[in-house]
Amino acid sequence: MNIQTIVKIISAVFGLLGVVFLFRIIGVGDEEIKMAASMGDYGVVSPLVSVAIAILFVTVAVTVVFSLINLASSPQKLKKALLFIVCFIVVIGLAFVISSGVETPLKDGEILSASGSRWVEAGIRTFYILAALAIGSMMFFGGKKLINK
């Protein structure tokens, strides 16, 4: 049995489960689901959510496994991947260094620590740095392509 057959079988099982749970939700109706949810009973919707989580887990696991297998098959791909991982870590480190942390009161009455605040700011700065690099590289290579024509 090859991998494609296994994937088709697993997809069919998840699809059938999803359809069964969806018809169950449709059969119960919106009003009953809302009433049950207001009392804390999510029994009708929970199985569909569980199927979605299982599909997500399987998808992520398969993607990670096959990506690692593909990287391990070629030393050049592995070297390139490690270089990009190191560059990403450098960007995160740079964003963390230029970030500052301040204790911040939250809406629920708790306090976000200075370290937590610094990590949040570092994440935002990482996004900005990566977005600027992406836009800059698109402009550079687009301009280079126009000049070479």
N, C-alpha and C. Protein backbone atom coordinates (compact mmCIF):
# COMPACT_ATOMS: atom_id res chain seq x y z
N MET A 1 0.85 -1.17 0.00
CA MET A 1 0.00 0.00 0.00
C MET A 1 0.90 1.24 0.00
N ASN A 2 0.73 2.11 -0.98
CA ASN A 2 1.58 3.29 -1.05
C ASN A 2 0.99 4.44 -0.23
N ILE A 3 1.78 5.49 -0.13
CA ILE A 3 1.41 6.61 0.74
C ILE A 3 0.16 7.33 0.22
N GLN A 4 0.00 7.38 -1.10
CA GLN A 4 -1.15 8.07 -1.67
C GLN A 4 -2.46 7.37 -1.29
N THR A 5 -2.46 6.05 -1.28
CA THR A 5 -3.66 5.30 -0.89
C THR A 5 -3.99 5.54 0.58
N ILE A 6 -2.97 5.56 1.41
CA ILE A 6 -3.18 5.82 2.84
C ILE A 6 -3.76 7.21 3.05
N VAL A 7 -3.22 8.20 2.35
CA VAL A 7 -3.72 9.57 2.48
C VAL A 7 -5.17 9.66 2.03
N LYS A 8 -5.52 8.97 0.93
CA LYS A 8 -6.90 8.98 0.45
C LYS A 8 -7.85 8.35 1.47
N ILE A 9 -7.43 7.27 2.09
CA ILE A 9 -8.27 6.61 3.09
C ILE A 9 -8.47 7.50 4.31
N ILE A 10 -7.39 8.08 4.81
CA ILE A 10 -7.48 8.96 5.98
C ILE A 10 -8.34 10.19 5.65
N SER A 11 -8.16 10.75 4.45
CA SER A 11 -8.97 11.90 4.04
C SER A 11 -10.44 11.54 3.96
N ALA A 12 -10.74 10.35 3.44
CA ALA A 12 -12.13 9.91 3.34
C ALA A 12 -12.75 9.73 4.72
N VAL A 13 -12.00 9.15 5.66
CA VAL A 13 -12.50 8.95 7.01
C VAL A 13 -12.79 10.30 7.68
N PHE A 14 -11.83 11.23 7.58
CA PHE A 14 -12.05 12.56 8.17
C PHE A 14 -13.22 13.27 7.49
N GLY A 15 -13.33 13.13 6.18
CA GLY A 15 -14.43 13.76 5.46
C GLY A 15 -15.78 13.22 5.89
N LEU A 16 -15.88 11.90 5.99
CA LEU A 16 -17.14 11.29 6.43
C LEU A 16 -17.50 11.69 7.85
N LEU A 17 -16.51 11.70 8.73
CA LEU A 17 -16.77 12.15 10.11
C LEU A 17 -17.27 13.59 10.13
N GLY A 18 -16.62 14.44 9.34
CA GLY A 18 -17.03 15.85 9.27
C GLY A 18 -18.45 16.00 8.77
N VAL A 19 -18.81 15.24 7.74
CA VAL A 19 -20.17 15.31 7.19
C VAL A 19 -21.19 14.82 8.22
N VAL A 20 -20.89 13.72 8.90
CA VAL A 20 -21.82 13.20 9.91
C VAL A 20 -22.04 14.23 11.02
N PHE A 21 -20.96 14.81 11.53
CA PHE A 21 -21.09 15.80 12.60
C PHE A 21 -21.78 17.07 12.12
N LEU A 22 -21.52 17.46 10.86
CA LEU A 22 -22.18 18.64 10.31
C LEU A 22 -23.69 18.41 10.20
N PHE A 23 -24.10 17.25 9.69
CA PHE A 23 -25.53 16.95 9.60
C PHE A 23 -26.17 16.88 10.98
N ARG A 24 -25.41 16.42 11.96
CA ARG A 24 -25.93 16.39 13.32
C ARG A 24 -26.18 17.81 13.83
N ILE A 25 -25.24 18.71 13.54
CA ILE A 25 -25.41 20.11 13.96
C ILE A 25 -26.59 20.73 13.24
N ILE A 26 -26.68 20.49 11.93
CA ILE A 26 -27.80 21.05 11.17
C ILE A 26 -29.13 20.50 11.66
N GLY A 27 -29.16 19.21 11.99
CA GLY A 27 -30.38 18.58 12.48
C GLY A 27 -30.85 19.13 13.81
N VAL A 28 -29.92 19.48 14.68
CA VAL A 28 -30.30 20.01 15.99
C VAL A 28 -30.86 21.42 15.85
N GLY A 29 -30.22 22.25 15.05
CA GLY A 29 -30.71 23.61 14.84
C GLY A 29 -29.97 24.64 15.67
N ASP A 30 -30.03 25.87 15.16
CA ASP A 30 -29.29 26.97 15.78
C ASP A 30 -29.77 27.30 17.19
N GLU A 31 -31.08 27.39 17.34
CA GLU A 31 -31.64 27.83 18.62
C GLU A 31 -31.29 26.86 19.76
N GLU A 32 -31.41 25.56 19.50
CA GLU A 32 -31.08 24.58 20.54
C GLU A 32 -29.60 24.62 20.87
N ILE A 33 -28.75 24.81 19.86
CA ILE A 33 -27.30 24.88 20.11
C ILE A 33 -26.98 26.12 20.94
N LYS A 34 -27.62 27.24 20.62
CA LYS A 34 -27.39 28.47 21.38
C LYS A 34 -27.85 28.32 22.83
N MET A 35 -29.01 27.70 23.02
CA MET A 35 -29.52 27.49 24.38
C MET A 35 -28.60 26.57 25.17
N ALA A 36 -28.17 25.49 24.53
CA ALA A 36 -27.27 24.56 25.22
C ALA A 36 -25.94 25.23 25.53
N ALA A 37 -25.44 26.03 24.60
CA ALA A 37 -24.16 26.71 24.81
C ALA A 37 -24.26 27.73 25.95
N SER A 38 -25.41 28.38 26.08
CA SER A 38 -25.57 29.35 27.16
C SER A 38 -25.55 28.68 28.53
N MET A 39 -25.87 27.37 28.56
CA MET A 39 -25.81 26.61 29.81
C MET A 39 -24.50 25.84 29.95
N GLY A 40 -23.59 26.02 28.98
CA GLY A 40 -22.28 25.38 29.08
C GLY A 40 -22.20 24.02 28.42
N ASP A 41 -23.21 23.63 27.67
CA ASP A 41 -23.22 22.33 27.00
C ASP A 41 -22.85 22.52 25.53
N TYR A 42 -21.64 22.07 25.16
CA TYR A 42 -21.17 22.19 23.79
C TYR A 42 -21.09 20.82 23.12
N GLY A 43 -21.89 19.87 23.58
CA GLY A 43 -21.82 18.49 23.13
C GLY A 43 -22.11 18.28 21.66
N VAL A 44 -22.91 19.15 21.06
CA VAL A 44 -23.24 18.97 19.65
C VAL A 44 -22.10 19.45 18.76
N VAL A 45 -21.46 20.54 19.14
CA VAL A 45 -20.43 21.16 18.31
C VAL A 45 -19.04 20.57 18.59
N SER A 46 -18.81 20.07 19.77
CA SER A 46 -17.50 19.58 20.17
C SER A 46 -16.91 18.50 19.28
N PRO A 47 -17.69 17.52 18.82
CA PRO A 47 -17.09 16.50 17.94
C PRO A 47 -16.54 17.07 16.63
N LEU A 48 -17.23 18.05 16.05
CA LEU A 48 -16.75 18.66 14.82
C LEU A 48 -15.46 19.43 15.08
N VAL A 49 -15.39 20.11 16.21
CA VAL A 49 -14.16 20.82 16.58
C VAL A 49 -13.03 19.82 16.80
N SER A 50 -13.32 18.70 17.43
CA SER A 50 -12.30 17.68 17.66
C SER A 50 -11.78 17.11 16.34
N VAL A 51 -12.66 16.91 15.37
CA VAL A 51 -12.23 16.44 14.05
C VAL A 51 -11.33 17.48 13.39
N ALA A 52 -11.69 18.75 13.51
CA ALA A 52 -10.88 19.82 12.92
C ALA A 52 -9.49 19.86 13.57
N ILE A 53 -9.44 19.69 14.89
CA ILE A 53 -8.15 19.69 15.58
C ILE A 53 -7.32 18.48 15.16
N ALA A 54 -7.96 17.33 15.01
CA ALA A 54 -7.24 16.13 14.56
C ALA A 54 -6.69 16.32 13.16
N ILE A 55 -7.48 16.91 12.27
CA ILE A 55 -7.02 17.17 10.90
C ILE A 55 -5.84 18.13 10.93
N LEU A 56 -5.92 19.17 11.74
CA LEU A 56 -4.81 20.11 11.86
C LEU A 56 -3.55 19.42 12.37
N PHE A 57 -3.70 18.59 13.40
CA PHE A 57 -2.55 17.88 13.96
C PHE A 57 -1.91 16.96 12.94
N VAL A 58 -2.73 16.19 12.22
CA VAL A 58 -2.20 15.27 11.21
C VAL A 58 -1.50 16.04 10.09
N THR A 59 -2.11 17.14 9.66
CA THR A 59 -1.53 17.95 8.59
C THR A 59 -0.17 18.52 9.00
N VAL A 60 -0.10 19.08 10.20
CA VAL A 60 1.16 19.65 10.68
C VAL A 60 2.21 18.56 10.85
N ALA A 61 1.83 17.43 11.42
CA ALA A 61 2.79 16.33 11.63
C ALA A 61 3.33 15.81 10.30
N VAL A 62 2.46 15.59 9.33
CA VAL A 62 2.91 15.09 8.03
C VAL A 62 3.80 16.11 7.34
N THR A 63 3.42 17.38 7.41
CA THR A 63 4.23 18.43 6.80
C THR A 63 5.61 18.49 7.41
N VAL A 64 5.69 18.47 8.72
CA VAL A 64 6.99 18.53 9.40
C VAL A 64 7.84 17.30 9.07
N VAL A 65 7.25 16.11 9.12
CA VAL A 65 8.00 14.88 8.85
C VAL A 65 8.56 14.88 7.44
N PHE A 66 7.71 15.17 6.45
CA PHE A 66 8.18 15.13 5.07
C PHE A 66 9.15 16.27 4.76
N SER A 67 8.99 17.41 5.42
CA SER A 67 9.96 18.50 5.24
C SER A 67 11.32 18.09 5.78
N LEU A 68 11.33 17.45 6.95
CA LEU A 68 12.61 17.01 7.52
C LEU A 68 13.25 15.90 6.68
N ILE A 69 12.43 15.00 6.16
CA ILE A 69 12.96 13.95 5.28
C ILE A 69 13.56 14.57 4.02
N ASN A 70 12.87 15.55 3.45
CA ASN A 70 13.36 16.22 2.26
C ASN A 70 14.66 16.97 2.54
N LEU A 71 14.74 17.62 3.69
CA LEU A 71 15.98 18.33 4.05
C LEU A 71 17.13 17.37 4.27
N ALA A 72 16.85 16.24 4.91
CA ALA A 72 17.91 15.28 5.20
C ALA A 72 18.42 14.59 3.95
N SER A 73 17.63 14.59 2.88
CA SER A 73 18.05 13.90 1.66
C SER A 73 19.08 14.69 0.87
N SER A 74 19.22 15.97 1.13
CA SER A 74 20.16 16.80 0.37
C SER A 74 20.94 17.70 1.32
N PRO A 75 22.26 17.54 1.38
CA PRO A 75 23.06 18.40 2.25
C PRO A 75 22.99 19.88 1.86
N GLN A 76 22.82 20.16 0.58
CA GLN A 76 22.74 21.56 0.15
C GLN A 76 21.46 22.21 0.66
N LYS A 77 20.36 21.48 0.60
CA LYS A 77 19.09 22.00 1.12
C LYS A 77 19.17 22.20 2.63
N LEU A 78 19.81 21.26 3.31
CA LEU A 78 19.95 21.36 4.76
C LEU A 78 20.79 22.57 5.14
N LYS A 79 21.88 22.78 4.42
CA LYS A 79 22.75 23.93 4.68
C LYS A 79 22.00 25.24 4.47
N LYS A 80 21.23 25.31 3.39
CA LYS A 80 20.45 26.52 3.09
C LYS A 80 19.39 26.76 4.16
N ALA A 81 18.72 25.68 4.59
CA ALA A 81 17.69 25.81 5.61
C ALA A 81 18.29 26.29 6.94
N LEU A 82 19.43 25.72 7.31
CA LEU A 82 20.09 26.15 8.55
C LEU A 82 20.52 27.61 8.47
N LEU A 83 20.98 28.04 7.30
CA LEU A 83 21.36 29.44 7.12
C LEU A 83 20.16 30.36 7.33
N PHE A 84 19.00 29.99 6.77
CA PHE A 84 17.81 30.81 6.94
C PHE A 84 17.31 30.78 8.39
N ILE A 85 17.44 29.65 9.06
CA ILE A 85 17.05 29.57 10.47
C ILE A 85 17.92 30.48 11.31
N VAL A 86 19.22 30.47 11.04
CA VAL A 86 20.15 31.35 11.78
C VAL A 86 19.81 32.81 11.50
N CYS A 87 19.52 33.16 10.25
CA CYS A 87 19.14 34.54 9.92
C CYS A 87 17.86 34.94 10.66
N PHE A 88 16.89 34.03 10.73
CA PHE A 88 15.65 34.31 11.45
C PHE A 88 15.91 34.54 12.94
N ILE A 89 16.77 33.72 13.52
CA ILE A 89 17.12 33.88 14.94
C ILE A 89 17.83 35.21 15.17
N VAL A 90 18.68 35.62 14.22
CA VAL A 90 19.36 36.92 14.33
C VAL A 90 18.34 38.05 14.29
N VAL A 91 17.34 37.95 13.41
CA VAL A 91 16.31 38.99 13.34
C VAL A 91 15.53 39.04 14.65
N ILE A 92 15.19 37.90 15.21
CA ILE A 92 14.48 37.87 16.50
C ILE A 92 15.36 38.47 17.59
N GLY A 93 16.64 38.11 17.60
CA GLY A 93 17.56 38.67 18.59
C GLY A 93 17.69 40.18 18.46
N LEU A 94 17.81 40.67 17.24
CA LEU A 94 17.88 42.11 17.01
C LEU A 94 16.62 42.81 17.49
N ALA A 95 15.46 42.23 17.18
CA ALA A 95 14.20 42.82 17.63
C ALA A 95 14.10 42.81 19.15
N PHE A 96 14.59 41.74 19.79
CA PHE A 96 14.54 41.68 21.25
C PHE A 96 15.46 42.72 21.87
N VAL A 97 16.63 42.91 21.29
CA VAL A 97 17.60 43.88 21.83
C VAL A 97 17.06 45.30 21.75
N ILE A 98 16.40 45.65 20.65
CA ILE A 98 15.91 47.02 20.51
C ILE A 98 14.55 47.24 21.18
N SER A 99 13.97 46.20 21.77
CA SER A 99 12.69 46.33 22.46
C SER A 99 12.90 46.66 23.92
N SER A 100 11.90 47.30 24.50
CA SER A 100 11.94 47.60 25.93
C SER A 100 10.69 47.01 26.57
N GLY A 101 10.78 46.67 27.80
CA GLY A 101 9.64 46.07 28.48
C GLY A 101 9.16 46.93 29.63
N VAL A 102 7.86 47.08 29.73
CA VAL A 102 7.24 47.85 30.81
C VAL A 102 6.09 47.02 31.36
N GLU A 103 6.00 46.93 32.68
CA GLU A 103 4.85 46.23 33.26
C GLU A 103 3.57 46.92 32.83
N THR A 104 2.63 46.12 32.37
CA THR A 104 1.39 46.67 31.81
C THR A 104 0.19 46.01 32.46
N PRO A 105 -0.74 46.80 33.00
CA PRO A 105 -1.97 46.20 33.54
C PRO A 105 -2.87 45.73 32.39
N LEU A 106 -3.44 44.55 32.56
CA LEU A 106 -4.33 43.99 31.55
C LEU A 106 -5.78 44.24 31.93
N LYS A 107 -6.70 44.01 31.01
CA LYS A 107 -8.12 44.28 31.25
C LYS A 107 -8.72 43.39 32.32
N ASP A 108 -8.18 42.16 32.47
CA ASP A 108 -8.75 41.25 33.47
C ASP A 108 -8.17 41.46 34.86
N GLY A 109 -7.37 42.52 35.04
CA GLY A 109 -6.83 42.85 36.35
C GLY A 109 -5.44 42.31 36.62
N GLU A 110 -4.96 41.42 35.77
CA GLU A 110 -3.61 40.90 35.95
C GLU A 110 -2.61 41.87 35.36
N ILE A 111 -1.33 41.59 35.62
CA ILE A 111 -0.28 42.48 35.14
C ILE A 111 0.65 41.67 34.22
N LEU A 112 0.91 42.24 33.03
CA LEU A 112 1.86 41.65 32.11
C LEU A 112 3.25 42.08 32.56
N SER A 113 4.12 41.10 32.78
CA SER A 113 5.46 41.42 33.29
C SER A 113 6.25 42.20 32.26
N ALA A 114 7.33 42.82 32.72
CA ALA A 114 8.20 43.57 31.82
C ALA A 114 8.82 42.65 30.77
N SER A 115 9.17 41.43 31.18
CA SER A 115 9.74 40.47 30.24
C SER A 115 8.71 40.07 29.19
N GLY A 116 7.49 39.81 29.61
CA GLY A 116 6.43 39.47 28.67
C GLY A 116 6.15 40.61 27.70
N SER A 117 6.14 41.82 28.22
CA SER A 117 5.93 43.00 27.39
C SER A 117 7.06 43.15 26.37
N ARG A 118 8.27 42.85 26.79
CA ARG A 118 9.42 42.95 25.89
C ARG A 118 9.32 41.91 24.78
N TRP A 119 8.86 40.70 25.12
CA TRP A 119 8.71 39.65 24.10
C TRP A 119 7.60 40.00 23.11
N VAL A 120 6.52 40.60 23.59
CA VAL A 120 5.45 41.03 22.70
C VAL A 120 5.97 42.08 21.73
N GLU A 121 6.69 43.06 22.26
CA GLU A 121 7.26 44.11 21.42
C GLU A 121 8.29 43.53 20.44
N ALA A 122 9.06 42.57 20.90
CA ALA A 122 10.03 41.92 20.01
C ALA A 122 9.32 41.18 18.88
N GLY A 123 8.21 40.54 19.17
CA GLY A 123 7.44 39.86 18.12
C GLY A 123 6.91 40.83 17.09
N ILE A 124 6.41 41.96 17.55
CA ILE A 124 5.89 42.98 16.63
C ILE A 124 7.03 43.55 15.79
N ARG A 125 8.15 43.83 16.44
CA ARG A 125 9.29 44.36 15.69
C ARG A 125 9.84 43.32 14.70
N THR A 126 9.82 42.05 15.08
CA THR A 126 10.25 41.00 14.16
C THR A 126 9.37 41.00 12.92
N PHE A 127 8.07 41.12 13.12
CA PHE A 127 7.15 41.18 11.99
C PHE A 127 7.49 42.38 11.10
N TYR A 128 7.72 43.54 11.68
CA TYR A 128 8.03 44.73 10.88
C TYR A 128 9.34 44.55 10.12
N ILE A 129 10.35 44.01 10.77
CA ILE A 129 11.64 43.81 10.11
C ILE A 129 11.49 42.84 8.94
N LEU A 130 10.81 41.72 9.16
CA LEU A 130 10.62 40.74 8.09
C LEU A 130 9.77 41.30 6.95
N ALA A 131 8.75 42.08 7.29
CA ALA A 131 7.93 42.70 6.24
C ALA A 131 8.75 43.69 5.44
N ALA A 132 9.58 44.49 6.11
CA ALA A 132 10.43 45.45 5.40
C ALA A 132 11.44 44.73 4.51
N LEU A 133 12.01 43.64 4.99
CA LEU A 133 12.94 42.86 4.17
C LEU A 133 12.24 42.26 2.95
N ALA A 134 11.04 41.76 3.14
CA ALA A 134 10.30 41.18 2.01
C ALA A 134 9.95 42.24 0.97
N ILE A 135 9.45 43.38 1.43
CA ILE A 135 9.10 44.46 0.50
C ILE A 135 10.36 44.97 -0.19
N GLY A 136 11.44 45.14 0.57
CA GLY A 136 12.70 45.61 -0.01
C GLY A 136 13.24 44.65 -1.06
N SER A 137 13.18 43.35 -0.78
CA SER A 137 13.70 42.39 -1.75
C SER A 137 12.83 42.34 -3.01
N MET A 138 11.50 42.47 -2.84
CA MET A 138 10.63 42.51 -4.03
C MET A 138 10.92 43.74 -4.87
N MET A 139 11.11 44.88 -4.23
CA MET A 139 11.41 46.10 -4.97
C MET A 139 12.78 46.00 -5.65
N PHE A 140 13.77 45.48 -4.94
CA PHE A 140 15.12 45.36 -5.50
C PHE A 140 15.13 44.46 -6.72
N PHE A 141 14.58 43.25 -6.57
CA PHE A 141 14.62 42.32 -7.69
C PHE A 141 13.68 42.73 -8.81
N GLY A 142 12.57 43.38 -8.49
CA GLY A 142 11.69 43.91 -9.53
C GLY A 142 12.38 45.02 -10.31
N GLY A 143 13.06 45.92 -9.60
CA GLY A 143 13.82 46.98 -10.26
C GLY A 143 14.96 46.44 -11.08
N LYS A 144 15.63 45.44 -10.54
CA LYS A 144 16.75 44.81 -11.26
C LYS A 144 16.25 44.16 -12.55
N LYS A 145 15.09 43.54 -12.48
CA LYS A 145 14.51 42.88 -13.65
C LYS A 145 14.13 43.93 -14.71
N LEU A 146 13.59 45.08 -14.28
CA LEU A 146 13.23 46.13 -15.21
C LEU A 146 14.47 46.73 -15.88
N ILE A 147 15.53 46.92 -15.12
CA ILE A 147 16.76 47.50 -15.66
C ILE A 147 17.41 46.56 -16.66
N ASN A 148 17.38 45.26 -16.39
CA ASN A 148 18.02 44.29 -17.28
C ASN A 148 17.25 44.07 -18.59
N LYS A 149 16.00 44.49 -18.65
CA LYS A 149 15.23 44.30 -19.89
C LYS A 149 15.64 45.30 -20.87
